[in-house]
Amino acid sequence: MAPYERFAAWRECHALALEVYRATRAFPKDELYGLTSQARRAAFSAAANIVEGSAKRGSAEFRRFLDISLGSLTELGYTLRLSRELGILAEEPWDKLNDLQSRARFLTWKLYASVSKLKQARP
C-alpha cells in the first residue's frame, strides 16, 4: 500500500475522480474542452495533490498541498452545479457526485486540520 492510501480523504477523492470520469462520458462533445475537461482536471487535482503532498517533508508542505486539494474540490463542486443547472448532468449522477464531493471535501478538511495540529504541537 502506498503511504497516501492510508488517508480516507485520498480514498474518497479517488472514488470521486473515478465517478467524475464516468459521468462526464455522457457530456456533449461540444463540452469536451469546457465542462468535461474542467470537471476531470479538478477531480484529478484533488486526489493528486493529496498524493504529492503526502510525499513532501514536513507538515507545512503537506498542508499546502491539502489546501490546493480543497480548492480543487470547491472548483469541482461549482463545475458540477453549473453542469446540473445547464441540464448537462442528470439528477441521479448529480446527487451521487454532489454527495461524494461533499464527503471528499469534509475528509480533506479534517486531514488539513489534523496536519495543522501536528505543526502546532511541535516545539
PDB file of N, CA and C in Angstrom:
ATOM      1  N   MET A   1       0.849  -1.180   0.000  1.00  0.00           N
ATOM      2  CA  MET A   1       0.000   0.000   0.000  1.00  0.00           C
ATOM      3  C   MET A   1       0.891   1.239   0.000  1.00  0.00           C
ATOM      4  N   ALA A   2       0.615   2.152  -0.906  1.00  0.00           N
ATOM      5  CA  ALA A   2       1.340   3.419  -0.948  1.00  0.00           C
ATOM      6  C   ALA A   2       0.963   4.244   0.283  1.00  0.00           C
ATOM      7  N   PRO A   3       1.880   5.080   0.777  1.00  0.00           N
ATOM      8  CA  PRO A   3       1.599   5.850   2.001  1.00  0.00           C
ATOM      9  C   PRO A   3       0.324   6.697   1.929  1.00  0.00           C
ATOM     10  N   TYR A   4       0.020   7.274   0.798  1.00  0.00           N
ATOM     11  CA  TYR A   4      -1.162   8.136   0.688  1.00  0.00           C
ATOM     12  C   TYR A   4      -2.468   7.352   0.781  1.00  0.00           C
ATOM     13  N   GLU A   5      -2.420   6.054   0.493  1.00  0.00           N
ATOM     14  CA  GLU A   5      -3.634   5.240   0.511  1.00  0.00           C
ATOM     15  C   GLU A   5      -4.226   5.085   1.906  1.00  0.00           C
ATOM     16  N   ARG A   6      -3.468   5.386   2.923  1.00  0.00           N
ATOM     17  CA  ARG A   6      -3.981   5.272   4.291  1.00  0.00           C
ATOM     18  C   ARG A   6      -4.935   6.406   4.651  1.00  0.00           C
ATOM     19  N   PHE A   7      -4.975   7.458   3.844  1.00  0.00           N
ATOM     20  CA  PHE A   7      -5.818   8.612   4.135  1.00  0.00           C
ATOM     21  C   PHE A   7      -7.217   8.425   3.557  1.00  0.00           C
ATOM     22  N   ALA A   8      -8.225   8.504   4.433  1.00  0.00           N
ATOM     23  CA  ALA A   8      -9.625   8.408   3.991  1.00  0.00           C
ATOM     24  C   ALA A   8      -9.933   9.518   2.990  1.00  0.00           C
ATOM     25  N   ALA A   9      -9.315  10.673   3.169  1.00  0.00           N
ATOM     26  CA  ALA A   9      -9.538  11.797   2.245  1.00  0.00           C
ATOM     27  C   ALA A   9      -9.099  11.416   0.837  1.00  0.00           C
ATOM     28  N   TRP A  10      -7.942  10.771   0.707  1.00  0.00           N
ATOM     29  CA  TRP A  10      -7.490  10.364  -0.622  1.00  0.00           C
ATOM     30  C   TRP A  10      -8.424   9.319  -1.214  1.00  0.00           C
ATOM     31  N   ARG A  11      -8.814   8.335  -0.411  1.00  0.00           N
ATOM     32  CA  ARG A  11      -9.706   7.291  -0.928  1.00  0.00           C
ATOM     33  C   ARG A  11     -11.010   7.882  -1.447  1.00  0.00           C
ATOM     34  N   GLU A  12     -11.547   8.867  -0.731  1.00  0.00           N
ATOM     35  CA  GLU A  12     -12.797   9.495  -1.169  1.00  0.00           C
ATOM     36  C   GLU A  12     -12.571  10.350  -2.422  1.00  0.00           C
ATOM     37  N   CYS A  13     -11.462  11.075  -2.471  1.00  0.00           N
ATOM     38  CA  CYS A  13     -11.145  11.875  -3.668  1.00  0.00           C
ATOM     39  C   CYS A  13     -10.913  10.979  -4.875  1.00  0.00           C
ATOM     40  N   HIS A  14     -10.280   9.837  -4.665  1.00  0.00           N
ATOM     41  CA  HIS A  14     -10.055   8.886  -5.756  1.00  0.00           C
ATOM     42  C   HIS A  14     -11.385   8.342  -6.279  1.00  0.00           C
ATOM     43  N   ALA A  15     -12.272   7.959  -5.362  1.00  0.00           N
ATOM     44  CA  ALA A  15     -13.600   7.475  -5.764  1.00  0.00           C
ATOM     45  C   ALA A  15     -14.358   8.566  -6.519  1.00  0.00           C
ATOM     46  N   LEU A  16     -14.234   9.789  -6.062  1.00  0.00           N
ATOM     47  CA  LEU A  16     -14.879  10.925  -6.731  1.00  0.00           C
ATOM     48  C   LEU A  16     -14.327  11.104  -8.139  1.00  0.00           C
ATOM     49  N   ALA A  17     -13.022  11.041  -8.293  1.00  0.00           N
ATOM     50  CA  ALA A  17     -12.412  11.199  -9.622  1.00  0.00           C
ATOM     51  C   ALA A  17     -12.912  10.115 -10.580  1.00  0.00           C
ATOM     52  N   LEU A  18     -12.979   8.884 -10.103  1.00  0.00           N
ATOM     53  CA  LEU A  18     -13.491   7.802 -10.954  1.00  0.00           C
ATOM     54  C   LEU A  18     -14.920   8.078 -11.397  1.00  0.00           C
ATOM     55  N   GLU A  19     -15.762   8.520 -10.476  1.00  0.00           N
ATOM     56  CA  GLU A  19     -17.160   8.805 -10.810  1.00  0.00           C
ATOM     57  C   GLU A  19     -17.293  10.009 -11.749  1.00  0.00           C
ATOM     58  N   VAL A  20     -16.456  11.018 -11.556  1.00  0.00           N
ATOM     59  CA  VAL A  20     -16.486  12.184 -12.445  1.00  0.00           C
ATOM     60  C   VAL A  20     -16.122  11.759 -13.862  1.00  0.00           C
ATOM     61  N   TYR A  21     -15.093  10.937 -14.009  1.00  0.00           N
ATOM     62  CA  TYR A  21     -14.719  10.463 -15.339  1.00  0.00           C
ATOM     63  C   TYR A  21     -15.855   9.672 -15.981  1.00  0.00           C
ATOM     64  N   ARG A  22     -16.509   8.832 -15.188  1.00  0.00           N
ATOM     65  CA  ARG A  22     -17.628   8.042 -15.725  1.00  0.00           C
ATOM     66  C   ARG A  22     -18.792   8.944 -16.140  1.00  0.00           C
ATOM     67  N   ALA A  23     -19.157   9.864 -15.257  1.00  0.00           N
ATOM     68  CA  ALA A  23     -20.316  10.733 -15.521  1.00  0.00           C
ATOM     69  C   ALA A  23     -20.088  11.654 -16.711  1.00  0.00           C
ATOM     70  N   THR A  24     -18.869  12.142 -16.877  1.00  0.00           N
ATOM     71  CA  THR A  24     -18.610  13.109 -17.943  1.00  0.00           C
ATOM     72  C   THR A  24     -18.501  12.454 -19.321  1.00  0.00           C
ATOM     73  N   ARG A  25     -18.472  11.137 -19.369  1.00  0.00           N
ATOM     74  CA  ARG A  25     -18.518  10.452 -20.675  1.00  0.00           C
ATOM     75  C   ARG A  25     -19.806  10.794 -21.417  1.00  0.00           C
ATOM     76  N   ALA A  26     -20.861  11.076 -20.650  1.00  0.00           N
ATOM     77  CA  ALA A  26     -22.166  11.375 -21.250  1.00  0.00           C
ATOM     78  C   ALA A  26     -22.339  12.852 -21.587  1.00  0.00           C
ATOM     79  N   PHE A  27     -21.363  13.686 -21.258  1.00  0.00           N
ATOM     80  CA  PHE A  27     -21.464  15.110 -21.567  1.00  0.00           C
ATOM     81  C   PHE A  27     -21.403  15.309 -23.086  1.00  0.00           C
ATOM     82  N   PRO A  28     -22.019  16.366 -23.579  1.00  0.00           N
ATOM     83  CA  PRO A  28     -21.981  16.631 -25.021  1.00  0.00           C
ATOM     84  C   PRO A  28     -20.539  16.817 -25.520  1.00  0.00           C
ATOM     85  N   LYS A  29     -20.310  16.415 -26.746  1.00  0.00           N
ATOM     86  CA  LYS A  29     -18.973  16.535 -27.344  1.00  0.00           C
ATOM     87  C   LYS A  29     -18.500  17.990 -27.396  1.00  0.00           C
ATOM     88  N   ASP A  30     -19.436  18.935 -27.527  1.00  0.00           N
ATOM     89  CA  ASP A  30     -19.007  20.336 -27.591  1.00  0.00           C
ATOM     90  C   ASP A  30     -18.536  20.854 -26.227  1.00  0.00           C
ATOM     91  N   GLU A  31     -18.669  20.052 -25.190  1.00  0.00           N
ATOM     92  CA  GLU A  31     -18.154  20.419 -23.866  1.00  0.00           C
ATOM     93  C   GLU A  31     -16.845  19.708 -23.536  1.00  0.00           C
ATOM     94  N   LEU A  32     -16.294  18.975 -24.514  1.00  0.00           N
ATOM     95  CA  LEU A  32     -15.066  18.217 -24.266  1.00  0.00           C
ATOM     96  C   LEU A  32     -13.956  19.095 -23.704  1.00  0.00           C
ATOM     97  N   TYR A  33     -13.795  20.296 -24.241  1.00  0.00           N
ATOM     98  CA  TYR A  33     -12.727  21.190 -23.779  1.00  0.00           C
ATOM     99  C   TYR A  33     -13.248  22.234 -22.800  1.00  0.00           C
ATOM    100  N   GLY A  34     -14.495  22.093 -22.391  1.00  0.00           N
ATOM    101  CA  GLY A  34     -15.108  23.003 -21.433  1.00  0.00           C
ATOM    102  C   GLY A  34     -15.368  22.289 -20.124  1.00  0.00           C
ATOM    103  N   LEU A  35     -16.639  22.032 -19.852  1.00  0.00           N
ATOM    104  CA  LEU A  35     -17.029  21.453 -18.573  1.00  0.00           C
ATOM    105  C   LEU A  35     -16.474  20.048 -18.352  1.00  0.00           C
ATOM    106  N   THR A  36     -16.393  19.248 -19.389  1.00  0.00           N
ATOM    107  CA  THR A  36     -15.841  17.893 -19.242  1.00  0.00           C
ATOM    108  C   THR A  36     -14.405  17.968 -18.752  1.00  0.00           C
ATOM    109  N   SER A  37     -13.595  18.732 -19.457  1.00  0.00           N
ATOM    110  CA  SER A  37     -12.187  18.873 -19.104  1.00  0.00           C
ATOM    111  C   SER A  37     -12.018  19.508 -17.722  1.00  0.00           C
ATOM    112  N   GLN A  38     -12.797  20.525 -17.444  1.00  0.00           N
ATOM    113  CA  GLN A  38     -12.686  21.231 -16.168  1.00  0.00           C
ATOM    114  C   GLN A  38     -13.029  20.317 -14.996  1.00  0.00           C
ATOM    115  N   ALA A  39     -14.111  19.571 -15.120  1.00  0.00           N
ATOM    116  CA  ALA A  39     -14.522  18.658 -14.046  1.00  0.00           C
ATOM    117  C   ALA A  39     -13.476  17.574 -13.827  1.00  0.00           C
ATOM    118  N   ARG A  40     -12.975  17.021 -14.900  1.00  0.00           N
ATOM    119  CA  ARG A  40     -11.970  15.953 -14.782  1.00  0.00           C
ATOM    120  C   ARG A  40     -10.671  16.462 -14.174  1.00  0.00           C
ATOM    121  N   ARG A  41     -10.229  17.628 -14.611  1.00  0.00           N
ATOM    122  CA  ARG A  41      -8.976  18.176 -14.073  1.00  0.00           C
ATOM    123  C   ARG A  41      -9.101  18.497 -12.589  1.00  0.00           C
ATOM    124  N   ALA A  42     -10.232  19.067 -12.189  1.00  0.00           N
ATOM    125  CA  ALA A  42     -10.427  19.412 -10.777  1.00  0.00           C
ATOM    126  C   ALA A  42     -10.498  18.153  -9.919  1.00  0.00           C
ATOM    127  N   ALA A  43     -11.208  17.124 -10.393  1.00  0.00           N
ATOM    128  CA  ALA A  43     -11.315  15.875  -9.636  1.00  0.00           C
ATOM    129  C   ALA A  43      -9.952  15.190  -9.524  1.00  0.00           C
ATOM    130  N   PHE A  44      -9.225  15.140 -10.624  1.00  0.00           N
ATOM    131  CA  PHE A  44      -7.888  14.551 -10.603  1.00  0.00           C
ATOM    132  C   PHE A  44      -6.977  15.328  -9.660  1.00  0.00           C
ATOM    133  N   SER A  45      -7.032  16.643  -9.728  1.00  0.00           N
ATOM    134  CA  SER A  45      -6.184  17.500  -8.910  1.00  0.00           C
ATOM    135  C   SER A  45      -6.424  17.284  -7.417  1.00  0.00           C
ATOM    136  N   ALA A  46      -7.675  17.101  -7.035  1.00  0.00           N
ATOM    137  CA  ALA A  46      -7.994  16.897  -5.618  1.00  0.00           C
ATOM    138  C   ALA A  46      -7.267  15.670  -5.080  1.00  0.00           C
ATOM    139  N   ALA A  47      -7.346  14.562  -5.798  1.00  0.00           N
ATOM    140  CA  ALA A  47      -6.683  13.330  -5.357  1.00  0.00           C
ATOM    141  C   ALA A  47      -5.161  13.429  -5.508  1.00  0.00           C
ATOM    142  N   ALA A  48      -4.709  13.952  -6.635  1.00  0.00           N
ATOM    143  CA  ALA A  48      -3.271  14.008  -6.918  1.00  0.00           C
ATOM    144  C   ALA A  48      -2.519  14.902  -5.945  1.00  0.00           C
ATOM    145  N   ASN A  49      -3.141  15.969  -5.485  1.00  0.00           N
ATOM    146  CA  ASN A  49      -2.455  16.842  -4.536  1.00  0.00           C
ATOM    147  C   ASN A  49      -2.296  16.202  -3.169  1.00  0.00           C
ATOM    148  N   ILE A  50      -3.206  15.326  -2.783  1.00  0.00           N
ATOM    149  CA  ILE A  50      -3.016  14.572  -1.542  1.00  0.00           C
ATOM    150  C   ILE A  50      -1.851  13.603  -1.714  1.00  0.00           C
ATOM    151  N   VAL A  51      -1.786  12.952  -2.866  1.00  0.00           N
ATOM    152  CA  VAL A  51      -0.686  12.038  -3.159  1.00  0.00           C
ATOM    153  C   VAL A  51       0.649  12.778  -3.104  1.00  0.00           C
ATOM    154  N   GLU A  52       0.743  13.876  -3.830  1.00  0.00           N
ATOM    155  CA  GLU A  52       2.000  14.618  -3.882  1.00  0.00           C
ATOM    156  C   GLU A  52       2.369  15.206  -2.527  1.00  0.00           C
ATOM    157  N   GLY A  53       1.391  15.781  -1.844  1.00  0.00           N
ATOM    158  CA  GLY A  53       1.665  16.382  -0.541  1.00  0.00           C
ATOM    159  C   GLY A  53       2.130  15.385   0.495  1.00  0.00           C
ATOM    160  N   SER A  54       1.606  14.171   0.429  1.00  0.00           N
ATOM    161  CA  SER A  54       1.999  13.152   1.406  1.00  0.00           C
ATOM    162  C   SER A  54       3.458  12.727   1.238  1.00  0.00           C
ATOM    163  N   ALA A  55       4.034  13.008   0.092  1.00  0.00           N
ATOM    164  CA  ALA A  55       5.432  12.659  -0.167  1.00  0.00           C
ATOM    165  C   ALA A  55       6.404  13.780   0.207  1.00  0.00           C
ATOM    166  N   LYS A  56       5.881  14.924   0.601  1.00  0.00           N
ATOM    167  CA  LYS A  56       6.724  16.069   0.952  1.00  0.00           C
ATOM    168  C   LYS A  56       7.217  15.939   2.386  1.00  0.00           C
ATOM    169  N   ARG A  57       8.280  16.648   2.669  1.00  0.00           N
ATOM    170  CA  ARG A  57       8.831  16.646   4.021  1.00  0.00           C
ATOM    171  C   ARG A  57       8.162  17.723   4.848  1.00  0.00           C
ATOM    172  N   GLY A  58       7.643  17.317   5.952  1.00  0.00           N
ATOM    173  CA  GLY A  58       7.088  18.274   6.894  1.00  0.00           C
ATOM    174  C   GLY A  58       5.611  18.563   6.687  1.00  0.00           C
ATOM    175  N   SER A  59       4.983  18.925   7.785  1.00  0.00           N
ATOM    176  CA  SER A  59       3.547  19.161   7.764  1.00  0.00           C
ATOM    177  C   SER A  59       3.167  20.443   7.024  1.00  0.00           C
ATOM    178  N   ALA A  60       4.036  21.443   7.031  1.00  0.00           N
ATOM    179  CA  ALA A  60       3.701  22.697   6.338  1.00  0.00           C
ATOM    180  C   ALA A  60       3.549  22.462   4.831  1.00  0.00           C
ATOM    181  N   GLU A  61       4.434  21.665   4.266  1.00  0.00           N
ATOM    182  CA  GLU A  61       4.338  21.354   2.833  1.00  0.00           C
ATOM    183  C   GLU A  61       3.092  20.526   2.537  1.00  0.00           C
ATOM    184  N   PHE A  62       2.844  19.528   3.373  1.00  0.00           N
ATOM    185  CA  PHE A  62       1.665  18.692   3.176  1.00  0.00           C
ATOM    186  C   PHE A  62       0.400  19.541   3.263  1.00  0.00           C
ATOM    187  N   ARG A  63       0.350  20.441   4.226  1.00  0.00           N
ATOM    188  CA  ARG A  63      -0.801  21.329   4.386  1.00  0.00           C
ATOM    189  C   ARG A  63      -1.032  22.174   3.139  1.00  0.00           C
ATOM    190  N   ARG A  64       0.045  22.664   2.545  1.00  0.00           N
ATOM    191  CA  ARG A  64      -0.070  23.476   1.328  1.00  0.00           C
ATOM    192  C   ARG A  64      -0.749  22.685   0.211  1.00  0.00           C
ATOM    193  N   PHE A  65      -0.379  21.432   0.048  1.00  0.00           N
ATOM    194  CA  PHE A  65      -0.995  20.595  -0.983  1.00  0.00           C
ATOM    195  C   PHE A  65      -2.437  20.246  -0.637  1.00  0.00           C
ATOM    196  N   LEU A  66      -2.737  20.066   0.645  1.00  0.00           N
ATOM    197  CA  LEU A  66      -4.118  19.833   1.056  1.00  0.00           C
ATOM    198  C   LEU A  66      -4.973  21.062   0.779  1.00  0.00           C
ATOM    199  N   ASP A  67      -4.397  22.232   0.950  1.00  0.00           N
ATOM    200  CA  ASP A  67      -5.108  23.478   0.651  1.00  0.00           C
ATOM    201  C   ASP A  67      -5.457  23.543  -0.842  1.00  0.00           C
ATOM    202  N   ILE A  68      -4.532  23.137  -1.681  1.00  0.00           N
ATOM    203  CA  ILE A  68      -4.782  23.107  -3.125  1.00  0.00           C
ATOM    204  C   ILE A  68      -5.880  22.089  -3.434  1.00  0.00           C
ATOM    205  N   SER A  69      -5.827  20.939  -2.770  1.00  0.00           N
ATOM    206  CA  SER A  69      -6.852  19.914  -2.962  1.00  0.00           C
ATOM    207  C   SER A  69      -8.233  20.444  -2.586  1.00  0.00           C
ATOM    208  N   LEU A  70      -8.317  21.166  -1.487  1.00  0.00           N
ATOM    209  CA  LEU A  70      -9.592  21.760  -1.074  1.00  0.00           C
ATOM    210  C   LEU A  70     -10.102  22.751  -2.118  1.00  0.00           C
ATOM    211  N   GLY A  71      -9.205  23.529  -2.688  1.00  0.00           N
ATOM    212  CA  GLY A  71      -9.593  24.458  -3.748  1.00  0.00           C
ATOM    213  C   GLY A  71     -10.124  23.722  -4.968  1.00  0.00           C
ATOM    214  N   SER A  72      -9.486  22.631  -5.322  1.00  0.00           N
ATOM    215  CA  SER A  72      -9.939  21.834  -6.473  1.00  0.00           C
ATOM    216  C   SER A  72     -11.299  21.211  -6.214  1.00  0.00           C
ATOM    217  N   LEU A  73     -11.535  20.759  -4.994  1.00  0.00           N
ATOM    218  CA  LEU A  73     -12.840  20.181  -4.659  1.00  0.00           C
ATOM    219  C   LEU A  73     -13.949  21.231  -4.730  1.00  0.00           C
ATOM    220  N   THR A  74     -13.644  22.434  -4.300  1.00  0.00           N
ATOM    221  CA  THR A  74     -14.622  23.517  -4.371  1.00  0.00           C
ATOM    222  C   THR A  74     -14.892  23.886  -5.823  1.00  0.00           C
ATOM    223  N   GLU A  75     -13.843  23.952  -6.626  1.00  0.00           N
ATOM    224  CA  GLU A  75     -13.997  24.221  -8.060  1.00  0.00           C
ATOM    225  C   GLU A  75     -14.845  23.139  -8.726  1.00  0.00           C
ATOM    226  N   LEU A  76     -14.581  21.893  -8.379  1.00  0.00           N
ATOM    227  CA  LEU A  76     -15.364  20.793  -8.923  1.00  0.00           C
ATOM    228  C   LEU A  76     -16.834  20.925  -8.526  1.00  0.00           C
ATOM    229  N   GLY A  77     -17.083  21.303  -7.290  1.00  0.00           N
ATOM    230  CA  GLY A  77     -18.455  21.485  -6.842  1.00  0.00           C
ATOM    231  C   GLY A  77     -19.202  22.483  -7.702  1.00  0.00           C
ATOM    232  N   TYR A  78     -18.558  23.587  -8.040  1.00  0.00           N
ATOM    233  CA  TYR A  78     -19.203  24.576  -8.901  1.00  0.00           C
ATOM    234  C   TYR A  78     -19.379  24.048 -10.323  1.00  0.00           C
ATOM    235  N   THR A  79     -18.386  23.360 -10.831  1.00  0.00           N
ATOM    236  CA  THR A  79     -18.470  22.806 -12.180  1.00  0.00           C
ATOM    237  C   THR A  79     -19.647  21.829 -12.282  1.00  0.00           C
ATOM    238  N   LEU A  80     -19.805  20.999 -11.276  1.00  0.00           N
ATOM    239  CA  LEU A  80     -20.923  20.059 -11.267  1.00  0.00           C
ATOM    240  C   LEU A  80     -22.254  20.792 -11.151  1.00  0.00           C
ATOM    241  N   ARG A  81     -22.291  21.805 -10.311  1.00  0.00           N
ATOM    242  CA  ARG A  81     -23.525  22.583 -10.160  1.00  0.00           C
ATOM    243  C   ARG A  81     -23.924  23.243 -11.482  1.00  0.00           C
ATOM    244  N   LEU A  82     -22.955  23.869 -12.134  1.00  0.00           N
ATOM    245  CA  LEU A  82     -23.228  24.520 -13.412  1.00  0.00           C
ATOM    246  C   LEU A  82     -23.708  23.487 -14.435  1.00  0.00           C
ATOM    247  N   SER A  83     -23.059  22.342 -14.455  1.00  0.00           N
ATOM    248  CA  SER A  83     -23.455  21.274 -15.382  1.00  0.00           C
ATOM    249  C   SER A  83     -24.893  20.835 -15.111  1.00  0.00           C
ATOM    250  N   ARG A  84     -25.245  20.732 -13.856  1.00  0.00           N
ATOM    251  CA  ARG A  84     -26.615  20.341 -13.488  1.00  0.00           C
ATOM    252  C   ARG A  84     -27.614  21.415 -13.922  1.00  0.00           C
ATOM    253  N   GLU A  85     -27.303  22.672 -13.624  1.00  0.00           N
ATOM    254  CA  GLU A  85     -28.232  23.756 -13.931  1.00  0.00           C
ATOM    255  C   GLU A  85     -28.367  24.009 -15.432  1.00  0.00           C
ATOM    256  N   LEU A  86     -27.351  23.635 -16.202  1.00  0.00           N
ATOM    257  CA  LEU A  86     -27.425  23.746 -17.659  1.00  0.00           C
ATOM    258  C   LEU A  86     -28.143  22.543 -18.285  1.00  0.00           C
ATOM    259  N   GLY A  87     -28.458  21.551 -17.472  1.00  0.00           N
ATOM    260  CA  GLY A  87     -29.135  20.362 -17.976  1.00  0.00           C
ATOM    261  C   GLY A  87     -28.201  19.339 -18.593  1.00  0.00           C
ATOM    262  N   ILE A  88     -26.908  19.504 -18.394  1.00  0.00           N
ATOM    263  CA  ILE A  88     -25.918  18.577 -18.943  1.00  0.00           C
ATOM    264  C   ILE A  88     -25.760  17.346 -18.051  1.00  0.00           C
ATOM    265  N   LEU A  89     -25.915  17.552 -16.760  1.00  0.00           N
ATOM    266  CA  LEU A  89     -25.765  16.478 -15.783  1.00  0.00           C
ATOM    267  C   LEU A  89     -27.146  16.149 -15.214  1.00  0.00           C
ATOM    268  N   ALA A  90     -27.563  14.917 -15.376  1.00  0.00           N
ATOM    269  CA  ALA A  90     -28.884  14.477 -14.902  1.00  0.00           C
ATOM    270  C   ALA A  90     -28.922  14.424 -13.377  1.00  0.00           C
ATOM    271  N   GLU A  91     -30.125  14.342 -12.847  1.00  0.00           N
ATOM    272  CA  GLU A  91     -30.316  14.402 -11.391  1.00  0.00           C
ATOM    273  C   GLU A  91     -29.632  13.264 -10.639  1.00  0.00           C
ATOM    274  N   GLU A  92     -29.760  12.051 -11.127  1.00  0.00           N
ATOM    275  CA  GLU A  92     -29.178  10.908 -10.410  1.00  0.00           C
ATOM    276  C   GLU A  92     -27.658  10.993 -10.296  1.00  0.00           C
ATOM    277  N   PRO A  93     -26.930  11.207 -11.405  1.00  0.00           N
ATOM    278  CA  PRO A  93     -25.478  11.347 -11.253  1.00  0.00           C
ATOM    279  C   PRO A  93     -25.108  12.586 -10.437  1.00  0.00           C
ATOM    280  N   TRP A  94     -25.889  13.669 -10.570  1.00  0.00           N
ATOM    281  CA  TRP A  94     -25.638  14.875  -9.776  1.00  0.00           C
ATOM    282  C   TRP A  94     -25.698  14.553  -8.293  1.00  0.00           C
ATOM    283  N   ASP A  95     -26.737  13.849  -7.866  1.00  0.00           N
ATOM    284  CA  ASP A  95     -26.886  13.518  -6.450  1.00  0.00           C
ATOM    285  C   ASP A  95     -25.688  12.724  -5.946  1.00  0.00           C
ATOM    286  N   LYS A  96     -25.294  11.723  -6.712  1.00  0.00           N
ATOM    287  CA  LYS A  96     -24.160  10.881  -6.310  1.00  0.00           C
ATOM    288  C   LYS A  96     -22.864  11.687  -6.261  1.00  0.00           C
ATOM    289  N   LEU A  97     -22.604  12.460  -7.310  1.00  0.00           N
ATOM    290  CA  LEU A  97     -21.370  13.250  -7.368  1.00  0.00           C
ATOM    291  C   LEU A  97     -21.354  14.337  -6.294  1.00  0.00           C
ATOM    292  N   ASN A  98     -22.470  14.963  -6.066  1.00  0.00           N
ATOM    293  CA  ASN A  98     -22.540  16.011  -5.049  1.00  0.00           C
ATOM    294  C   ASN A  98     -22.253  15.431  -3.668  1.00  0.00           C
ATOM    295  N   ASP A  99     -22.816  14.256  -3.374  1.00  0.00           N
ATOM    296  CA  ASP A  99     -22.549  13.602  -2.090  1.00  0.00           C
ATOM    297  C   ASP A  99     -21.071  13.219  -1.959  1.00  0.00           C
ATOM    298  N   LEU A 100     -20.512  12.641  -3.019  1.00  0.00           N
ATOM    299  CA  LEU A 100     -19.091  12.274  -2.993  1.00  0.00           C
ATOM    300  C   LEU A 100     -18.196  13.497  -2.809  1.00  0.00           C
ATOM    301  N   GLN A 101     -18.526  14.566  -3.526  1.00  0.00           N
ATOM    302  CA  GLN A 101     -17.719  15.783  -3.433  1.00  0.00           C
ATOM    303  C   GLN A 101     -17.792  16.374  -2.025  1.00  0.00           C
ATOM    304  N   SER A 102     -18.967  16.396  -1.447  1.00  0.00           N
ATOM    305  CA  SER A 102     -19.126  16.929  -0.090  1.00  0.00           C
ATOM    306  C   SER A 102     -18.339  16.102   0.919  1.00  0.00           C
ATOM    307  N   ARG A 103     -18.420  14.794   0.779  1.00  0.00           N
ATOM    308  CA  ARG A 103     -17.682  13.918   1.702  1.00  0.00           C
ATOM    309  C   ARG A 103     -16.177  14.068   1.504  1.00  0.00           C
ATOM    310  N   ALA A 104     -15.723  14.118   0.274  1.00  0.00           N
ATOM    311  CA  ALA A 104     -14.292  14.285  -0.001  1.00  0.00           C
ATOM    312  C   ALA A 104     -13.789  15.609   0.567  1.00  0.00           C
ATOM    313  N   ARG A 105     -14.567  16.657   0.408  1.00  0.00           N
ATOM    314  CA  ARG A 105     -14.180  17.964   0.939  1.00  0.00           C
ATOM    315  C   ARG A 105     -14.113  17.929   2.466  1.00  0.00           C
ATOM    316  N   PHE A 106     -15.101  17.304   3.106  1.00  0.00           N
ATOM    317  CA  PHE A 106     -15.127  17.186   4.560  1.00  0.00           C
ATOM    318  C   PHE A 106     -13.895  16.426   5.068  1.00  0.00           C
ATOM    319  N   LEU A 107     -13.611  15.273   4.468  1.00  0.00           N
ATOM    320  CA  LEU A 107     -12.473  14.468   4.913  1.00  0.00           C
ATOM    321  C   LEU A 107     -11.145  15.159   4.647  1.00  0.00           C
ATOM    322  N   THR A 108     -11.048  15.858   3.535  1.00  0.00           N
ATOM    323  CA  THR A 108      -9.809  16.590   3.236  1.00  0.00           C
ATOM    324  C   THR A 108      -9.629  17.733   4.219  1.00  0.00           C
ATOM    325  N   TRP A 109     -10.717  18.419   4.555  1.00  0.00           N
ATOM    326  CA  TRP A 109     -10.638  19.483   5.553  1.00  0.00           C
ATOM    327  C   TRP A 109     -10.212  18.915   6.914  1.00  0.00           C
ATOM    328  N   LYS A 110     -10.751  17.757   7.306  1.00  0.00           N
ATOM    329  CA  LYS A 110     -10.370  17.135   8.580  1.00  0.00           C
ATOM    330  C   LYS A 110      -8.889  16.749   8.572  1.00  0.00           C
ATOM    331  N   LEU A 111      -8.405  16.251   7.446  1.00  0.00           N
ATOM    332  CA  LEU A 111      -6.988  15.914   7.325  1.00  0.00           C
ATOM    333  C   LEU A 111      -6.138  17.175   7.422  1.00  0.00           C
ATOM    334  N   TYR A 112      -6.573  18.235   6.763  1.00  0.00           N
ATOM    335  CA  TYR A 112      -5.876  19.529   6.838  1.00  0.00           C
ATOM    336  C   TYR A 112      -5.792  20.002   8.291  1.00  0.00           C
ATOM    337  N   ALA A 113      -6.907  19.931   9.006  1.00  0.00           N
ATOM    338  CA  ALA A 113      -6.931  20.357  10.408  1.00  0.00           C
ATOM    339  C   ALA A 113      -6.019  19.485  11.263  1.00  0.00           C
ATOM    340  N   SER A 114      -5.998  18.205  10.997  1.00  0.00           N
ATOM    341  CA  SER A 114      -5.146  17.282  11.739  1.00  0.00           C
ATOM    342  C   SER A 114      -3.666  17.571  11.496  1.00  0.00           C
ATOM    343  N   VAL A 115      -3.309  17.809  10.249  1.00  0.00           N
ATOM    344  CA  VAL A 115      -1.915  18.133   9.916  1.00  0.00           C
ATOM    345  C   VAL A 115      -1.532  19.482  10.529  1.00  0.00           C
ATOM    346  N   SER A 116      -2.463  20.405  10.583  1.00  0.00           N
ATOM    347  CA  SER A 116      -2.209  21.714  11.202  1.00  0.00           C
ATOM    348  C   SER A 116      -1.916  21.560  12.682  1.00  0.00           C
ATOM    349  N   LYS A 117      -2.615  20.670  13.362  1.00  0.00           N
ATOM    350  CA  LYS A 117      -2.377  20.406  14.782  1.00  0.00           C
ATOM    351  C   LYS A 117      -0.994  19.822  15.016  1.00  0.00           C
ATOM    352  N   LEU A 118      -0.558  18.975  14.083  1.00  0.00           N
ATOM    353  CA  LEU A 118       0.788  18.384  14.203  1.00  0.00           C
ATOM    354  C   LEU A 118       1.847  19.494  14.172  1.00  0.00           C
ATOM    355  N   LYS A 119       1.652  20.448  13.294  1.00  0.00           N
ATOM    356  CA  LYS A 119       2.606  21.545  13.174  1.00  0.00           C
ATOM    357  C   LYS A 119       2.638  22.371  14.456  1.00  0.00           C
ATOM    358  N   GLN A 120       1.472  22.617  15.043  1.00  0.00           N
ATOM    359  CA  GLN A 120       1.395  23.421  16.261  1.00  0.00           C
ATOM    360  C   GLN A 120       1.949  22.678  17.456  1.00  0.00           C
ATOM    361  N   ALA A 121       1.878  21.355  17.468  1.00  0.00           N
ATOM    362  CA  ALA A 121       2.325  20.563  18.602  1.00  0.00           C
ATOM    363  C   ALA A 121       3.837  20.461  18.687  1.00  0.00           C
ATOM    364  N   ARG A 122       4.520  20.710  17.604  1.00  0.00           N
ATOM    365  CA  ARG A 122       5.992  20.620  17.609  1.00  0.00           C
ATOM    366  C   ARG A 122       6.596  21.857  18.270  1.00  0.00           C
ATOM    367  N   PRO A 123       7.679  21.653  19.021  1.00  0.00           N
ATOM    368  CA  PRO A 123       8.327  22.798  19.702  1.00  0.00           C
ATOM    369  C   PRO A 123       9.024  23.745  18.768  1.00  0.00           C
TER     370      PRO A 123
END
